[in-house]
Amino acid sequence: MVDTCGWIALIDAEINVDYAFAEIFGKYEFIVINPVWEELNIFQKNNSKNILLDLLRKKSSDFNDNELIEKHTDNQLLFLSKKNGWPVLTVDKKLKERLHDSNCKVVQVVGNKKIELIS
């Protein structure tokens, strides 16, 4: 799953998305929940930097999040990660800590050069 700050960090680092994720996961697709799409669209609208939302859309599967009762984006990401075992791409320290405490996997950008999977 993709968190807003994780995607932006990935793009800022100019990491080759296909190569980096294929190297870790093999075949992959991103899952983006509606609140993250909203945050990314607002960010893109308010900034001149292209955060490659078209690429993210092409690499993402449709996700129906009607079952989610949590309002906060981080709570939704944590819930879905725990429920489905999906790793979360994020650089948010608090979210990473919560995911780690719940035995969830995190994908993070390291040193603005690469990504790594933390179990």
PDB file of N, CA and C in Angstrom:
ATOM      1  N   MET A   1       0.848  -1.171   0.000  1.00  0.00           N
ATOM      2  CA  MET A   1       0.000   0.000   0.000  1.00  0.00           C
ATOM      3  C   MET A   1       0.889   1.228   0.000  1.00  0.00           C
ATOM      4  N   VAL A   2       0.335   2.313  -0.469  1.00  0.00           N
ATOM      5  CA  VAL A   2       1.099   3.537  -0.613  1.00  0.00           C
ATOM      6  C   VAL A   2       0.565   4.590   0.348  1.00  0.00           C
ATOM      7  N   ASP A   3       1.467   5.180   1.114  1.00  0.00           N
ATOM      8  CA  ASP A   3       1.166   6.350   1.927  1.00  0.00           C
ATOM      9  C   ASP A   3       1.653   7.572   1.149  1.00  0.00           C
ATOM     10  N   THR A   4       1.002   8.686   1.342  1.00  0.00           N
ATOM     11  CA  THR A   4       1.323   9.907   0.590  1.00  0.00           C
ATOM     12  C   THR A   4       2.803  10.268   0.697  1.00  0.00           C
ATOM     13  N   CYS A   5       3.319  10.344   1.914  1.00  0.00           N
ATOM     14  CA  CYS A   5       4.707  10.766   2.098  1.00  0.00           C
ATOM     15  C   CYS A   5       5.682   9.740   1.517  1.00  0.00           C
ATOM     16  N   GLY A   6       5.299   8.472   1.528  1.00  0.00           N
ATOM     17  CA  GLY A   6       6.149   7.437   0.948  1.00  0.00           C
ATOM     18  C   GLY A   6       6.285   7.594  -0.553  1.00  0.00           C
ATOM     19  N   TRP A   7       5.157   7.855  -1.223  1.00  0.00           N
ATOM     20  CA  TRP A   7       5.196   8.037  -2.681  1.00  0.00           C
ATOM     21  C   TRP A   7       6.003   9.272  -3.044  1.00  0.00           C
ATOM     22  N   ILE A   8       5.786  10.357  -2.330  1.00  0.00           N
ATOM     23  CA  ILE A   8       6.512  11.597  -2.628  1.00  0.00           C
ATOM     24  C   ILE A   8       8.008  11.399  -2.397  1.00  0.00           C
ATOM     25  N   ALA A   9       8.385  10.699  -1.325  1.00  0.00           N
ATOM     26  CA  ALA A   9       9.801  10.425  -1.056  1.00  0.00           C
ATOM     27  C   ALA A   9      10.406   9.568  -2.166  1.00  0.00           C
ATOM     28  N   LEU A  10       9.657   8.607  -2.642  1.00  0.00           N
ATOM     29  CA  LEU A  10      10.107   7.741  -3.726  1.00  0.00           C
ATOM     30  C   LEU A  10      10.374   8.556  -4.993  1.00  0.00           C
ATOM     31  N   ILE A  11       9.462   9.446  -5.312  1.00  0.00           N
ATOM     32  CA  ILE A  11       9.619  10.287  -6.504  1.00  0.00           C
ATOM     33  C   ILE A  11      10.751  11.292  -6.310  1.00  0.00           C
ATOM     34  N   ASP A  12      10.834  11.898  -5.128  1.00  0.00           N
ATOM     35  CA  ASP A  12      11.922  12.844  -4.847  1.00  0.00           C
ATOM     36  C   ASP A  12      13.297  12.192  -4.987  1.00  0.00           C
ATOM     37  N   ALA A  13      13.383  10.924  -4.608  1.00  0.00           N
ATOM     38  CA  ALA A  13      14.649  10.200  -4.682  1.00  0.00           C
ATOM     39  C   ALA A  13      14.975   9.744  -6.102  1.00  0.00           C
ATOM     40  N   GLU A  14      14.035   9.927  -7.018  1.00  0.00           N
ATOM     41  CA  GLU A  14      14.206   9.537  -8.420  1.00  0.00           C
ATOM     42  C   GLU A  14      14.571   8.061  -8.562  1.00  0.00           C
ATOM     43  N   ILE A  15      13.913   7.258  -7.747  1.00  0.00           N
ATOM     44  CA  ILE A  15      14.122   5.813  -7.779  1.00  0.00           C
ATOM     45  C   ILE A  15      13.302   5.226  -8.923  1.00  0.00           C
ATOM     46  N   ASN A  16      13.890   4.302  -9.656  1.00  0.00           N
ATOM     47  CA  ASN A  16      13.170   3.599 -10.707  1.00  0.00           C
ATOM     48  C   ASN A  16      12.174   2.662 -10.037  1.00  0.00           C
ATOM     49  N   VAL A  17      10.915   3.026 -10.091  1.00  0.00           N
ATOM     50  CA  VAL A  17       9.856   2.302  -9.376  1.00  0.00           C
ATOM     51  C   VAL A  17       9.802   0.844  -9.802  1.00  0.00           C
ATOM     52  N   ASP A  18       9.759   0.592 -11.104  1.00  0.00           N
ATOM     53  CA  ASP A  18       9.647  -0.779 -11.590  1.00  0.00           C
ATOM     54  C   ASP A  18      10.812  -1.639 -11.124  1.00  0.00           C
ATOM     55  N   TYR A  19      11.999  -1.149 -11.301  1.00  0.00           N
ATOM     56  CA  TYR A  19      13.186  -1.920 -10.930  1.00  0.00           C
ATOM     57  C   TYR A  19      13.227  -2.172  -9.419  1.00  0.00           C
ATOM     58  N   ALA A  20      13.023  -1.133  -8.628  1.00  0.00           N
ATOM     59  CA  ALA A  20      13.153  -1.248  -7.179  1.00  0.00           C
ATOM     60  C   ALA A  20      12.132  -2.215  -6.580  1.00  0.00           C
ATOM     61  N   PHE A  21      10.878  -2.104  -7.003  1.00  0.00           N
ATOM     62  CA  PHE A  21       9.841  -2.961  -6.430  1.00  0.00           C
ATOM     63  C   PHE A  21       9.915  -4.386  -6.976  1.00  0.00           C
ATOM     64  N   ALA A  22      10.257  -4.527  -8.252  1.00  0.00           N
ATOM     65  CA  ALA A  22      10.405  -5.864  -8.825  1.00  0.00           C
ATOM     66  C   ALA A  22      11.559  -6.604  -8.160  1.00  0.00           C
ATOM     67  N   GLU A  23      12.610  -5.878  -7.811  1.00  0.00           N
ATOM     68  CA  GLU A  23      13.758  -6.495  -7.153  1.00  0.00           C
ATOM     69  C   GLU A  23      13.378  -7.077  -5.786  1.00  0.00           C
ATOM     70  N   ILE A  24      12.492  -6.403  -5.070  1.00  0.00           N
ATOM     71  CA  ILE A  24      12.078  -6.861  -3.737  1.00  0.00           C
ATOM     72  C   ILE A  24      10.929  -7.859  -3.815  1.00  0.00           C
ATOM     73  N   PHE A  25       9.918  -7.552  -4.627  1.00  0.00           N
ATOM     74  CA  PHE A  25       8.673  -8.324  -4.601  1.00  0.00           C
ATOM     75  C   PHE A  25       8.451  -9.222  -5.814  1.00  0.00           C
ATOM     76  N   GLY A  26       9.234  -9.048  -6.861  1.00  0.00           N
ATOM     77  CA  GLY A  26       8.905  -9.723  -8.120  1.00  0.00           C
ATOM     78  C   GLY A  26       7.727  -8.982  -8.727  1.00  0.00           C
ATOM     79  N   LYS A  27       6.680  -9.705  -9.043  1.00  0.00           N
ATOM     80  CA  LYS A  27       5.475  -9.050  -9.558  1.00  0.00           C
ATOM     81  C   LYS A  27       4.818  -8.268  -8.421  1.00  0.00           C
ATOM     82  N   TYR A  28       4.369  -7.067  -8.721  1.00  0.00           N
ATOM     83  CA  TYR A  28       3.772  -6.225  -7.693  1.00  0.00           C
ATOM     84  C   TYR A  28       2.708  -5.327  -8.298  1.00  0.00           C
ATOM     85  N   GLU A  29       1.869  -4.812  -7.451  1.00  0.00           N
ATOM     86  CA  GLU A  29       0.974  -3.707  -7.811  1.00  0.00           C
ATOM     87  C   GLU A  29       0.728  -2.904  -6.544  1.00  0.00           C
ATOM     88  N   PHE A  30       0.489  -1.634  -6.720  1.00  0.00           N
ATOM     89  CA  PHE A  30       0.245  -0.759  -5.582  1.00  0.00           C
ATOM     90  C   PHE A  30      -1.234  -0.766  -5.227  1.00  0.00           C
ATOM     91  N   ILE A  31      -1.506  -0.577  -3.976  1.00  0.00           N
ATOM     92  CA  ILE A  31      -2.861  -0.366  -3.484  1.00  0.00           C
ATOM     93  C   ILE A  31      -2.872   1.023  -2.879  1.00  0.00           C
ATOM     94  N   VAL A  32      -3.790   1.850  -3.367  1.00  0.00           N
ATOM     95  CA  VAL A  32      -3.898   3.228  -2.889  1.00  0.00           C
ATOM     96  C   VAL A  32      -5.328   3.441  -2.413  1.00  0.00           C
ATOM     97  N   ILE A  33      -5.476   3.760  -1.138  1.00  0.00           N
ATOM     98  CA  ILE A  33      -6.814   3.998  -0.599  1.00  0.00           C
ATOM     99  C   ILE A  33      -7.249   5.426  -0.928  1.00  0.00           C
ATOM    100  N   ASN A  34      -8.555   5.643  -0.917  1.00  0.00           N
ATOM    101  CA  ASN A  34      -9.108   6.939  -1.332  1.00  0.00           C
ATOM    102  C   ASN A  34      -8.500   8.142  -0.604  1.00  0.00           C
ATOM    103  N   PRO A  35      -8.326   8.111   0.724  1.00  0.00           N
ATOM    104  CA  PRO A  35      -7.743   9.287   1.381  1.00  0.00           C
ATOM    105  C   PRO A  35      -6.333   9.615   0.882  1.00  0.00           C
ATOM    106  N   VAL A  36      -5.571   8.594   0.521  1.00  0.00           N
ATOM    107  CA  VAL A  36      -4.228   8.842  -0.010  1.00  0.00           C
ATOM    108  C   VAL A  36      -4.330   9.461  -1.402  1.00  0.00           C
ATOM    109  N   TRP A  37      -5.253   8.962  -2.240  1.00  0.00           N
ATOM    110  CA  TRP A  37      -5.457   9.604  -3.548  1.00  0.00           C
ATOM    111  C   TRP A  37      -5.804  11.073  -3.370  1.00  0.00           C
ATOM    112  N   GLU A  38      -6.688  11.354  -2.424  1.00  0.00           N
ATOM    113  CA  GLU A  38      -7.081  12.745  -2.180  1.00  0.00           C
ATOM    114  C   GLU A  38      -5.876  13.588  -1.770  1.00  0.00           C
ATOM    115  N   GLU A  39      -5.057  13.075  -0.847  1.00  0.00           N
ATOM    116  CA  GLU A  39      -3.868  13.809  -0.396  1.00  0.00           C
ATOM    117  C   GLU A  39      -2.891  14.028  -1.550  1.00  0.00           C
ATOM    118  N   LEU A  40      -2.672  13.003  -2.353  1.00  0.00           N
ATOM    119  CA  LEU A  40      -1.756  13.132  -3.485  1.00  0.00           C
ATOM    120  C   LEU A  40      -2.263  14.130  -4.514  1.00  0.00           C
ATOM    121  N   ASN A  41      -3.554  14.096  -4.798  1.00  0.00           N
ATOM    122  CA  ASN A  41      -4.126  15.047  -5.752  1.00  0.00           C
ATOM    123  C   ASN A  41      -4.011  16.481  -5.251  1.00  0.00           C
ATOM    124  N   ILE A  42      -4.245  16.699  -3.966  1.00  0.00           N
ATOM    125  CA  ILE A  42      -4.101  18.038  -3.384  1.00  0.00           C
ATOM    126  C   ILE A  42      -2.644  18.480  -3.464  1.00  0.00           C
ATOM    127  N   PHE A  43      -1.728  17.586  -3.118  1.00  0.00           N
ATOM    128  CA  PHE A  43      -0.302  17.916  -3.197  1.00  0.00           C
ATOM    129  C   PHE A  43       0.067  18.312  -4.620  1.00  0.00           C
ATOM    130  N   GLN A  44      -0.358  17.503  -5.605  1.00  0.00           N
ATOM    131  CA  GLN A  44      -0.021  17.779  -6.999  1.00  0.00           C
ATOM    132  C   GLN A  44      -0.597  19.111  -7.466  1.00  0.00           C
ATOM    133  N   LYS A  45      -1.824  19.389  -7.038  1.00  0.00           N
ATOM    134  CA  LYS A  45      -2.475  20.641  -7.430  1.00  0.00           C
ATOM    135  C   LYS A  45      -1.743  21.858  -6.873  1.00  0.00           C
ATOM    136  N   ASN A  46      -1.188  21.731  -5.669  1.00  0.00           N
ATOM    137  CA  ASN A  46      -0.561  22.861  -4.987  1.00  0.00           C
ATOM    138  C   ASN A  46       0.940  22.962  -5.202  1.00  0.00           C
ATOM    139  N   ASN A  47       1.518  22.049  -5.976  1.00  0.00           N
ATOM    140  CA  ASN A  47       2.960  22.056  -6.201  1.00  0.00           C
ATOM    141  C   ASN A  47       3.257  21.894  -7.678  1.00  0.00           C
ATOM    142  N   SER A  48       4.324  22.524  -8.112  1.00  0.00           N
ATOM    143  CA  SER A  48       4.689  22.439  -9.520  1.00  0.00           C
ATOM    144  C   SER A  48       5.430  21.135  -9.830  1.00  0.00           C
ATOM    145  N   LYS A  49       5.986  20.480  -8.820  1.00  0.00           N
ATOM    146  CA  LYS A  49       6.713  19.231  -9.024  1.00  0.00           C
ATOM    147  C   LYS A  49       5.749  18.120  -9.434  1.00  0.00           C
ATOM    148  N   ASN A  50       6.103  17.416 -10.497  1.00  0.00           N
ATOM    149  CA  ASN A  50       5.286  16.305 -10.967  1.00  0.00           C
ATOM    150  C   ASN A  50       5.583  15.076 -10.108  1.00  0.00           C
ATOM    151  N   ILE A  51       4.583  14.564  -9.404  1.00  0.00           N
ATOM    152  CA  ILE A  51       4.780  13.384  -8.565  1.00  0.00           C
ATOM    153  C   ILE A  51       4.291  12.105  -9.247  1.00  0.00           C
ATOM    154  N   LEU A  52       4.177  12.157 -10.548  1.00  0.00           N
ATOM    155  CA  LEU A  52       3.917  10.973 -11.386  1.00  0.00           C
ATOM    156  C   LEU A  52       2.676  10.190 -10.970  1.00  0.00           C
ATOM    157  N   LEU A  53       1.589  10.898 -10.789  1.00  0.00           N
ATOM    158  CA  LEU A  53       0.346  10.234 -10.412  1.00  0.00           C
ATOM    159  C   LEU A  53      -0.171   9.320 -11.515  1.00  0.00           C
ATOM    160  N   ASP A  54       0.095   9.648 -12.771  1.00  0.00           N
ATOM    161  CA  ASP A  54      -0.317   8.766 -13.870  1.00  0.00           C
ATOM    162  C   ASP A  54       0.384   7.413 -13.765  1.00  0.00           C
ATOM    163  N   LEU A  55       1.666   7.425 -13.422  1.00  0.00           N
ATOM    164  CA  LEU A  55       2.405   6.182 -13.233  1.00  0.00           C
ATOM    165  C   LEU A  55       1.807   5.381 -12.077  1.00  0.00           C
ATOM    166  N   LEU A  56       1.511   6.054 -10.983  1.00  0.00           N
ATOM    167  CA  LEU A  56       0.922   5.365  -9.829  1.00  0.00           C
ATOM    168  C   LEU A  56      -0.426   4.756 -10.189  1.00  0.00           C
ATOM    169  N   ARG A  57      -1.241   5.483 -10.951  1.00  0.00           N
ATOM    170  CA  ARG A  57      -2.542   4.942 -11.372  1.00  0.00           C
ATOM    171  C   ARG A  57      -2.371   3.683 -12.222  1.00  0.00           C
ATOM    172  N   LYS A  58      -1.399   3.711 -13.126  1.00  0.00           N
ATOM    173  CA  LYS A  58      -1.165   2.555 -13.997  1.00  0.00           C
ATOM    174  C   LYS A  58      -0.686   1.338 -13.207  1.00  0.00           C
ATOM    175  N   LYS A  59       0.037   1.581 -12.133  1.00  0.00           N
ATOM    176  CA  LYS A  59       0.626   0.492 -11.342  1.00  0.00           C
ATOM    177  C   LYS A  59      -0.260   0.083 -10.174  1.00  0.00           C
ATOM    178  N   SER A  60      -1.440   0.690 -10.058  1.00  0.00           N
ATOM    179  CA  SER A  60      -2.320   0.434  -8.919  1.00  0.00           C
ATOM    180  C   SER A  60      -3.527  -0.393  -9.322  1.00  0.00           C
ATOM    181  N   SER A  61      -3.974  -1.198  -8.381  1.00  0.00           N
ATOM    182  CA  SER A  61      -5.218  -1.932  -8.594  1.00  0.00           C
ATOM    183  C   SER A  61      -6.358  -1.144  -7.974  1.00  0.00           C
ATOM    184  N   ASP A  62      -7.546  -1.357  -8.504  1.00  0.00           N
ATOM    185  CA  ASP A  62      -8.722  -0.731  -7.913  1.00  0.00           C
ATOM    186  C   ASP A  62      -8.926  -1.316  -6.529  1.00  0.00           C
ATOM    187  N   PHE A  63      -9.283  -0.475  -5.602  1.00  0.00           N
ATOM    188  CA  PHE A  63      -9.499  -0.936  -4.245  1.00  0.00           C
ATOM    189  C   PHE A  63     -10.775  -0.326  -3.700  1.00  0.00           C
ATOM    190  N   ASN A  64     -11.658  -1.183  -3.235  1.00  0.00           N
ATOM    191  CA  ASN A  64     -12.908  -0.739  -2.643  1.00  0.00           C
ATOM    192  C   ASN A  64     -12.710  -0.669  -1.138  1.00  0.00           C
ATOM    193  N   ASP A  65     -12.749   0.533  -0.596  1.00  0.00           N
ATOM    194  CA  ASP A  65     -12.499   0.691   0.838  1.00  0.00           C
ATOM    195  C   ASP A  65     -13.778   1.024   1.609  1.00  0.00           C
ATOM    196  N   ASN A  66     -14.903   0.548   1.116  1.00  0.00           N
ATOM    197  CA  ASN A  66     -16.174   0.804   1.796  1.00  0.00           C
ATOM    198  C   ASN A  66     -16.240   0.166   3.179  1.00  0.00           C
ATOM    199  N   GLU A  67     -15.459  -0.890   3.396  1.00  0.00           N
ATOM    200  CA  GLU A  67     -15.487  -1.573   4.686  1.00  0.00           C
ATOM    201  C   GLU A  67     -14.753  -0.800   5.784  1.00  0.00           C
ATOM    202  N   LEU A  68     -14.003   0.206   5.402  1.00  0.00           N
ATOM    203  CA  LEU A  68     -13.208   0.931   6.382  1.00  0.00           C
ATOM    204  C   LEU A  68     -14.074   1.876   7.196  1.00  0.00           C
ATOM    205  N   ILE A  69     -13.971   1.742   8.514  1.00  0.00           N
ATOM    206  CA  ILE A  69     -14.735   2.628   9.385  1.00  0.00           C
ATOM    207  C   ILE A  69     -13.844   3.697  10.008  1.00  0.00           C
ATOM    208  N   GLU A  70     -12.542   3.466   9.971  1.00  0.00           N
ATOM    209  CA  GLU A  70     -11.602   4.449  10.505  1.00  0.00           C
ATOM    210  C   GLU A  70     -11.615   5.694   9.625  1.00  0.00           C
ATOM    211  N   LYS A  71     -11.501   6.842  10.249  1.00  0.00           N
ATOM    212  CA  LYS A  71     -11.480   8.094   9.490  1.00  0.00           C
ATOM    213  C   LYS A  71     -10.058   8.504   9.116  1.00  0.00           C
ATOM    214  N   HIS A  72      -9.103   8.293  10.005  1.00  0.00           N
ATOM    215  CA  HIS A  72      -7.738   8.761   9.789  1.00  0.00           C
ATOM    216  C   HIS A  72      -7.002   7.848   8.804  1.00  0.00           C
ATOM    217  N   THR A  73      -6.303   8.431   7.867  1.00  0.00           N
ATOM    218  CA  THR A  73      -5.604   7.685   6.828  1.00  0.00           C
ATOM    219  C   THR A  73      -4.642   6.662   7.421  1.00  0.00           C
ATOM    220  N   ASP A  74      -3.828   7.068   8.391  1.00  0.00           N
ATOM    221  CA  ASP A  74      -2.864   6.138   8.985  1.00  0.00           C
ATOM    222  C   ASP A  74      -3.564   4.950   9.639  1.00  0.00           C
ATOM    223  N   ASN A  75      -4.696   5.189  10.279  1.00  0.00           N
ATOM    224  CA  ASN A  75      -5.451   4.097  10.893  1.00  0.00           C
ATOM    225  C   ASN A  75      -5.957   3.120   9.833  1.00  0.00           C
ATOM    226  N   GLN A  76      -6.379   3.648   8.695  1.00  0.00           N
ATOM    227  CA  GLN A  76      -6.840   2.787   7.602  1.00  0.00           C
ATOM    228  C   GLN A  76      -5.690   1.948   7.049  1.00  0.00           C
ATOM    229  N   LEU A  77      -4.540   2.578   6.847  1.00  0.00           N
ATOM    230  CA  LEU A  77      -3.379   1.851   6.345  1.00  0.00           C
ATOM    231  C   LEU A  77      -2.962   0.751   7.318  1.00  0.00           C
ATOM    232  N   LEU A  78      -2.939   1.068   8.604  1.00  0.00           N
ATOM    233  CA  LEU A  78      -2.576   0.082   9.616  1.00  0.00           C
ATOM    234  C   LEU A  78      -3.568  -1.073   9.631  1.00  0.00           C
ATOM    235  N   PHE A  79      -4.858  -0.765   9.609  1.00  0.00           N
ATOM    236  CA  PHE A  79      -5.900  -1.787   9.618  1.00  0.00           C
ATOM    237  C   PHE A  79      -5.741  -2.740   8.436  1.00  0.00           C
ATOM    238  N   LEU A  80      -5.591  -2.178   7.248  1.00  0.00           N
ATOM    239  CA  LEU A  80      -5.495  -3.007   6.039  1.00  0.00           C
ATOM    240  C   LEU A  80      -4.197  -3.803   5.994  1.00  0.00           C
ATOM    241  N   SER A  81      -3.125  -3.227   6.484  1.00  0.00           N
ATOM    242  CA  SER A  81      -1.865  -3.938   6.519  1.00  0.00           C
ATOM    243  C   SER A  81      -1.950  -5.134   7.456  1.00  0.00           C
ATOM    244  N   LYS A  82      -2.539  -4.930   8.624  1.00  0.00           N
ATOM    245  CA  LYS A  82      -2.712  -6.032   9.575  1.00  0.00           C
ATOM    246  C   LYS A  82      -3.643  -7.097   9.013  1.00  0.00           C
ATOM    247  N   LYS A  83      -4.738  -6.668   8.420  1.00  0.00           N
ATOM    248  CA  LYS A  83      -5.750  -7.594   7.920  1.00  0.00           C
ATOM    249  C   LYS A  83      -5.243  -8.430   6.742  1.00  0.00           C
ATOM    250  N   ASN A  84      -4.524  -7.793   5.833  1.00  0.00           N
ATOM    251  CA  ASN A  84      -4.153  -8.448   4.570  1.00  0.00           C
ATOM    252  C   ASN A  84      -2.668  -8.789   4.439  1.00  0.00           C
ATOM    253  N   GLY A  85      -1.867  -8.346   5.394  1.00  0.00           N
ATOM    254  CA  GLY A  85      -0.434  -8.597   5.302  1.00  0.00           C
ATOM    255  C   GLY A  85       0.272  -7.764   4.251  1.00  0.00           C
ATOM    256  N   TRP A  86      -0.345  -6.660   3.867  1.00  0.00           N
ATOM    257  CA  TRP A  86       0.237  -5.796   2.835  1.00  0.00           C
ATOM    258  C   TRP A  86       1.291  -4.869   3.437  1.00  0.00           C
ATOM    259  N   PRO A  87       2.472  -4.793   2.837  1.00  0.00           N
ATOM    260  CA  PRO A  87       3.461  -3.818   3.290  1.00  0.00           C
ATOM    261  C   PRO A  87       3.006  -2.403   2.930  1.00  0.00           C
ATOM    262  N   VAL A  88       3.477  -1.437   3.694  1.00  0.00           N
ATOM    263  CA  VAL A  88       3.101  -0.038   3.475  1.00  0.00           C
ATOM    264  C   VAL A  88       4.352   0.756   3.110  1.00  0.00           C
ATOM    265  N   LEU A  89       4.302   1.445   1.971  1.00  0.00           N
ATOM    266  CA  LEU A  89       5.366   2.364   1.566  1.00  0.00           C
ATOM    267  C   LEU A  89       5.155   3.671   2.311  1.00  0.00           C
ATOM    268  N   THR A  90       6.072   3.988   3.229  1.00  0.00           N
ATOM    269  CA  THR A  90       5.945   5.217   3.999  1.00  0.00           C
ATOM    270  C   THR A  90       7.309   5.643   4.530  1.00  0.00           C
ATOM    271  N   VAL A  91       7.428   6.925   4.809  1.00  0.00           N
ATOM    272  CA  VAL A  91       8.600   7.446   5.524  1.00  0.00           C
ATOM    273  C   VAL A  91       8.162   8.125   6.818  1.00  0.00           C
ATOM    274  N   ASP A  92       6.887   8.052   7.112  1.00  0.00           N
ATOM    275  CA  ASP A  92       6.327   8.651   8.322  1.00  0.00           C
ATOM    276  C   ASP A  92       6.783   7.845   9.547  1.00  0.00           C
ATOM    277  N   LYS A  93       7.545   8.480  10.427  1.00  0.00           N
ATOM    278  CA  LYS A  93       8.128   7.771  11.570  1.00  0.00           C
ATOM    279  C   LYS A  93       7.069   7.190  12.494  1.00  0.00           C
ATOM    280  N   LYS A  94       6.030   7.950  12.783  1.00  0.00           N
ATOM    281  CA  LYS A  94       4.989   7.457  13.689  1.00  0.00           C
ATOM    282  C   LYS A  94       4.237   6.282  13.075  1.00  0.00           C
ATOM    283  N   LEU A  95       3.922   6.379  11.802  1.00  0.00           N
ATOM    284  CA  LEU A  95       3.225   5.277  11.139  1.00  0.00           C
ATOM    285  C   LEU A  95       4.122   4.043  11.080  1.00  0.00           C
ATOM    286  N   LYS A  96       5.403   4.229  10.752  1.00  0.00           N
ATOM    287  CA  LYS A  96       6.319   3.090  10.719  1.00  0.00           C
ATOM    288  C   LYS A  96       6.393   2.411  12.084  1.00  0.00           C
ATOM    289  N   GLU A  97       6.423   3.199  13.131  1.00  0.00           N
ATOM    290  CA  GLU A  97       6.470   2.628  14.482  1.00  0.00           C
ATOM    291  C   GLU A  97       5.206   1.831  14.788  1.00  0.00           C
ATOM    292  N   ARG A  98       4.048   2.377  14.433  1.00  0.00           N
ATOM    293  CA  ARG A  98       2.787   1.668  14.660  1.00  0.00           C
ATOM    294  C   ARG A  98       2.727   0.375  13.849  1.00  0.00           C
ATOM    295  N   LEU A  99       3.188   0.436  12.610  1.00  0.00           N
ATOM    296  CA  LEU A  99       3.208  -0.760  11.776  1.00  0.00           C
ATOM    297  C   LEU A  99       4.147  -1.806  12.367  1.00  0.00           C
ATOM    298  N   HIS A 100       5.315  -1.375  12.779  1.00  0.00           N
ATOM    299  CA  HIS A 100       6.283  -2.288  13.383  1.00  0.00           C
ATOM    300  C   HIS A 100       5.707  -2.931  14.644  1.00  0.00           C
ATOM    301  N   ASP A 101       5.074  -2.123  15.497  1.00  0.00           N
ATOM    302  CA  ASP A 101       4.473  -2.631  16.737  1.00  0.00           C
ATOM    303  C   ASP A 101       3.374  -3.658  16.468  1.00  0.00           C
ATOM    304  N   SER A 102       2.773  -3.590  15.275  1.00  0.00           N
ATOM    305  CA  SER A 102       1.707  -4.526  14.894  1.00  0.00           C
ATOM    306  C   SER A 102       2.227  -5.652  14.001  1.00  0.00           C
ATOM    307  N   ASN A 103       3.557  -5.776  13.909  1.00  0.00           N
ATOM    308  CA  ASN A 103       4.191  -6.818  13.086  1.00  0.00           C
ATOM    309  C   ASN A 103       3.823  -6.711  11.610  1.00  0.00           C
ATOM    310  N   CYS A 104       3.666  -5.496  11.138  1.00  0.00           N
ATOM    311  CA  CYS A 104       3.382  -5.251   9.728  1.00  0.00           C
ATOM    312  C   CYS A 104       4.677  -4.868   9.009  1.00  0.00           C
ATOM    313  N   LYS A 105       4.707  -5.096   7.719  1.00  0.00           N
ATOM    314  CA  LYS A 105       5.889  -4.788   6.915  1.00  0.00           C
ATOM    315  C   LYS A 105       5.839  -3.355   6.411  1.00  0.00           C
ATOM    316  N   VAL A 106       7.036  -2.759   6.307  1.00  0.00           N
ATOM    317  CA  VAL A 106       7.173  -1.383   5.835  1.00  0.00           C
ATOM    318  C   VAL A 106       8.170  -1.361   4.693  1.00  0.00           C
ATOM    319  N   VAL A 107       7.848  -0.601   3.667  1.00  0.00           N
ATOM    320  CA  VAL A 107       8.798  -0.297   2.605  1.00  0.00           C
ATOM    321  C   VAL A 107       9.162   1.167   2.792  1.00  0.00           C
ATOM    322  N   GLN A 108      10.464   1.426   2.895  1.00  0.00           N
ATOM    323  CA  GLN A 108      10.885   2.809   3.116  1.00  0.00           C
ATOM    324  C   GLN A 108      11.979   3.202   2.138  1.00  0.00           C
ATOM    325  N   VAL A 109      12.058   4.491   1.890  1.00  0.00           N
ATOM    326  CA  VAL A 109      13.120   5.049   1.069  1.00  0.00           C
ATOM    327  C   VAL A 109      14.317   5.264   1.989  1.00  0.00           C
ATOM    328  N   VAL A 110      15.470   4.785   1.557  1.00  0.00           N
ATOM    329  CA  VAL A 110      16.687   4.854   2.365  1.00  0.00           C
ATOM    330  C   VAL A 110      17.711   5.722   1.674  1.00  0.00           C
ATOM    331  N   GLY A 111      18.159   6.750   2.373  1.00  0.00           N
ATOM    332  CA  GLY A 111      19.233   7.584   1.856  1.00  0.00           C
ATOM    333  C   GLY A 111      18.958   8.216   0.508  1.00  0.00           C
ATOM    334  N   ASN A 112      17.702   8.431   0.187  1.00  0.00           N
ATOM    335  CA  ASN A 112      17.325   9.016  -1.099  1.00  0.00           C
ATOM    336  C   ASN A 112      17.934   8.275  -2.279  1.00  0.00           C
ATOM    337  N   LYS A 113      18.194   6.968  -2.102  1.00  0.00           N
ATOM    338  CA  LYS A 113      18.836   6.211  -3.175  1.00  0.00           C
ATOM    339  C   LYS A 113      18.156   4.903  -3.500  1.00  0.00           C
ATOM    340  N   LYS A 114      17.509   4.287  -2.501  1.00  0.00           N
ATOM    341  CA  LYS A 114      16.921   2.972  -2.713  1.00  0.00           C
ATOM    342  C   LYS A 114      15.753   2.760  -1.746  1.00  0.00           C
ATOM    343  N   ILE A 115      15.058   1.653  -1.967  1.00  0.00           N
ATOM    344  CA  ILE A 115      13.999   1.276  -1.020  1.00  0.00           C
ATOM    345  C   ILE A 115      14.426  -0.011  -0.335  1.00  0.00           C
ATOM    346  N   GLU A 116      13.857  -0.230   0.847  1.00  0.00           N
ATOM    347  CA  GLU A 116      14.088  -1.482   1.540  1.00  0.00           C
ATOM    348  C   GLU A 116      12.815  -1.915   2.231  1.00  0.00           C
ATOM    349  N   LEU A 117      12.687  -3.222   2.360  1.00  0.00           N
ATOM    350  CA  LEU A 117      11.548  -3.837   3.044  1.00  0.00           C
ATOM    351  C   LEU A 117      11.984  -4.167   4.454  1.00  0.00           C
ATOM    352  N   ILE A 118      11.202  -3.685   5.421  1.00  0.00           N
ATOM    353  CA  ILE A 118      11.468  -3.954   6.829  1.00  0.00           C
ATOM    354  C   ILE A 118      10.336  -4.799   7.358  1.00  0.00           C
ATOM    355  N   SER A 119      10.673  -5.937   7.915  1.00  0.00           N
ATOM    356  CA  SER A 119       9.650  -6.832   8.461  1.00  0.00           C
ATOM    357  C   SER A 119       9.504  -6.609   9.945  1.00  0.00           C
TER     358      SER A 119
END
